[in-house]
Amino acid sequence: MLYSDAPFIDPLLSILISLLMIYNVFKNLKRILVIILKGTPENVNLKEVWQKIYELDEIVNIHDRHAWSMDGNYIILTAHLALDQGYNLCRQAEINKRLKGL
């Protein structure tokens, strides 16, 4: 060795760096698996979302509803909404805009 006679430092630092990397992998593994498996994001209160949707007068039923995250930040919500009557396409587009604003 150039400055000291301690040949154990290199393997010791290699092991410590490897342990740090393994720790970070396991720390982030749950969050990554939720994203990959399209699980429901933890930071979204779905009951509150459904309640706000039900507050619209035209909505009578919600089923086949799903929420997932594409990258941890961008959240996608899909649902089949039953309306109280048959609206024309312009009125449906207006309801859709109101839903996107929630």
Protein backbone atom coordinates (compact mmCIF):
# COMPACT_ATOMS: atom_id res chain seq x y z
CA MET A 1 0.00 0.00 0.00
CA LEU A 2 1.17 3.48 -0.76
CA TYR A 3 0.38 5.35 2.48
CA SER A 4 -0.38 2.68 5.03
CA ASP A 5 -0.01 -0.99 5.58
CA ALA A 6 -3.73 -1.83 5.82
CA PRO A 7 -4.72 -4.27 3.05
CA PHE A 8 -8.10 -4.93 4.71
CA ILE A 9 -9.45 -1.41 3.89
CA ASP A 10 -10.32 -2.15 0.25
CA PRO A 11 -12.42 -5.29 0.93
CA LEU A 12 -14.01 -3.62 3.97
CA LEU A 13 -15.09 -0.56 1.95
CA SER A 14 -16.37 -2.82 -0.83
CA ILE A 15 -18.54 -4.73 1.64
CA LEU A 16 -19.84 -1.52 3.24
CA ILE A 17 -20.77 -0.02 -0.13
CA SER A 18 -22.49 -3.27 -1.15
CA LEU A 19 -24.49 -3.30 2.10
CA LEU A 20 -25.53 0.31 1.53
CA MET A 21 -26.73 -0.55 -1.97
CA ILE A 22 -28.67 -3.60 -0.75
CA TYR A 23 -30.28 -1.52 2.02
CA ASN A 24 -31.47 1.09 -0.51
CA VAL A 25 -32.83 -1.60 -2.84
CA PHE A 26 -34.97 -3.14 -0.10
CA LYS A 27 -36.03 0.28 1.17
CA ASN A 28 -37.47 1.20 -2.24
CA LEU A 29 -38.64 -2.27 -3.29
CA LYS A 30 -42.21 -1.99 -1.91
CA ARG A 31 -42.85 1.35 -3.60
CA ILE A 32 -41.43 0.07 -6.89
CA LEU A 33 -43.51 -3.12 -6.79
CA VAL A 34 -46.70 -1.13 -6.16
CA ILE A 35 -45.96 0.92 -9.28
CA ILE A 36 -45.01 -2.09 -11.43
CA LEU A 37 -48.04 -4.12 -10.31
CA LYS A 38 -50.31 -1.07 -10.78
CA GLY A 39 -51.39 -0.97 -7.15
CA THR A 40 -53.47 1.81 -5.65
CA PRO A 41 -51.28 4.75 -4.61
CA GLU A 42 -51.00 5.29 -0.86
CA ASN A 43 -51.34 9.07 -1.04
CA VAL A 44 -54.80 8.99 -2.67
CA ASN A 45 -57.95 8.80 -0.57
CA LEU A 46 -60.24 6.93 -2.95
CA LYS A 47 -63.30 7.19 -0.69
CA GLU A 48 -63.00 10.97 -0.87
CA VAL A 49 -62.62 10.84 -4.66
CA TRP A 50 -65.72 8.67 -5.09
CA GLN A 51 -67.66 10.92 -2.71
CA LYS A 52 -66.79 14.00 -4.78
CA ILE A 53 -67.89 12.21 -7.95
CA TYR A 54 -71.21 11.20 -6.33
CA GLU A 55 -71.80 14.89 -5.47
CA LEU A 56 -72.45 15.57 -9.16
CA ASP A 57 -76.20 15.49 -9.77
CA GLU A 58 -75.96 13.47 -12.99
CA ILE A 59 -74.05 10.52 -11.48
CA VAL A 60 -76.19 7.73 -10.02
CA ASN A 61 -73.70 4.83 -9.83
CA ILE A 62 -69.96 4.16 -10.06
CA HIS A 63 -68.53 0.71 -10.73
CA ASP A 64 -65.50 -0.95 -12.29
CA ARG A 65 -63.28 1.69 -10.69
CA HIS A 66 -59.51 1.54 -10.56
CA ALA A 67 -56.69 3.90 -9.57
CA TRP A 68 -52.99 3.32 -10.16
CA SER A 69 -49.78 5.21 -10.73
CA MET A 70 -47.63 5.10 -13.82
CA ASP A 71 -44.45 6.51 -12.28
CA GLY A 72 -45.19 7.30 -8.63
CA ASN A 73 -46.42 10.83 -9.39
CA TYR A 74 -48.84 10.57 -12.32
CA ILE A 75 -52.04 8.96 -11.02
CA ILE A 76 -54.63 7.43 -13.35
CA LEU A 77 -58.26 6.85 -12.42
CA THR A 78 -60.70 4.84 -14.51
CA ALA A 79 -64.34 4.20 -13.65
CA HIS A 80 -67.62 3.39 -15.30
CA LEU A 81 -70.13 6.07 -14.36
CA ALA A 82 -73.87 5.56 -14.74
CA LEU A 83 -75.77 8.76 -15.51
CA ASP A 84 -79.33 9.46 -14.45
CA GLN A 85 -80.53 9.82 -18.05
CA GLY A 86 -79.32 9.63 -21.63
CA TYR A 87 -77.46 12.86 -22.37
CA ASN A 88 -76.28 14.02 -25.78
CA LEU A 89 -72.54 14.04 -26.53
CA CYS A 90 -72.09 17.76 -25.79
CA ARG A 91 -73.63 17.36 -22.33
CA GLN A 92 -71.50 14.25 -21.68
CA ALA A 93 -68.36 16.18 -22.65
CA GLU A 94 -69.39 18.93 -20.23
CA ILE A 95 -69.80 16.39 -17.40
CA ASN A 96 -66.41 14.92 -18.32
CA LYS A 97 -64.75 18.36 -18.02
CA ARG A 98 -66.33 18.87 -14.61
CA LEU A 99 -65.04 15.46 -13.49
CA LYS A 100 -61.51 16.24 -14.65
CA GLY A 101 -61.61 19.43 -12.59
CA LEU A 102 -62.22 17.56 -9.32
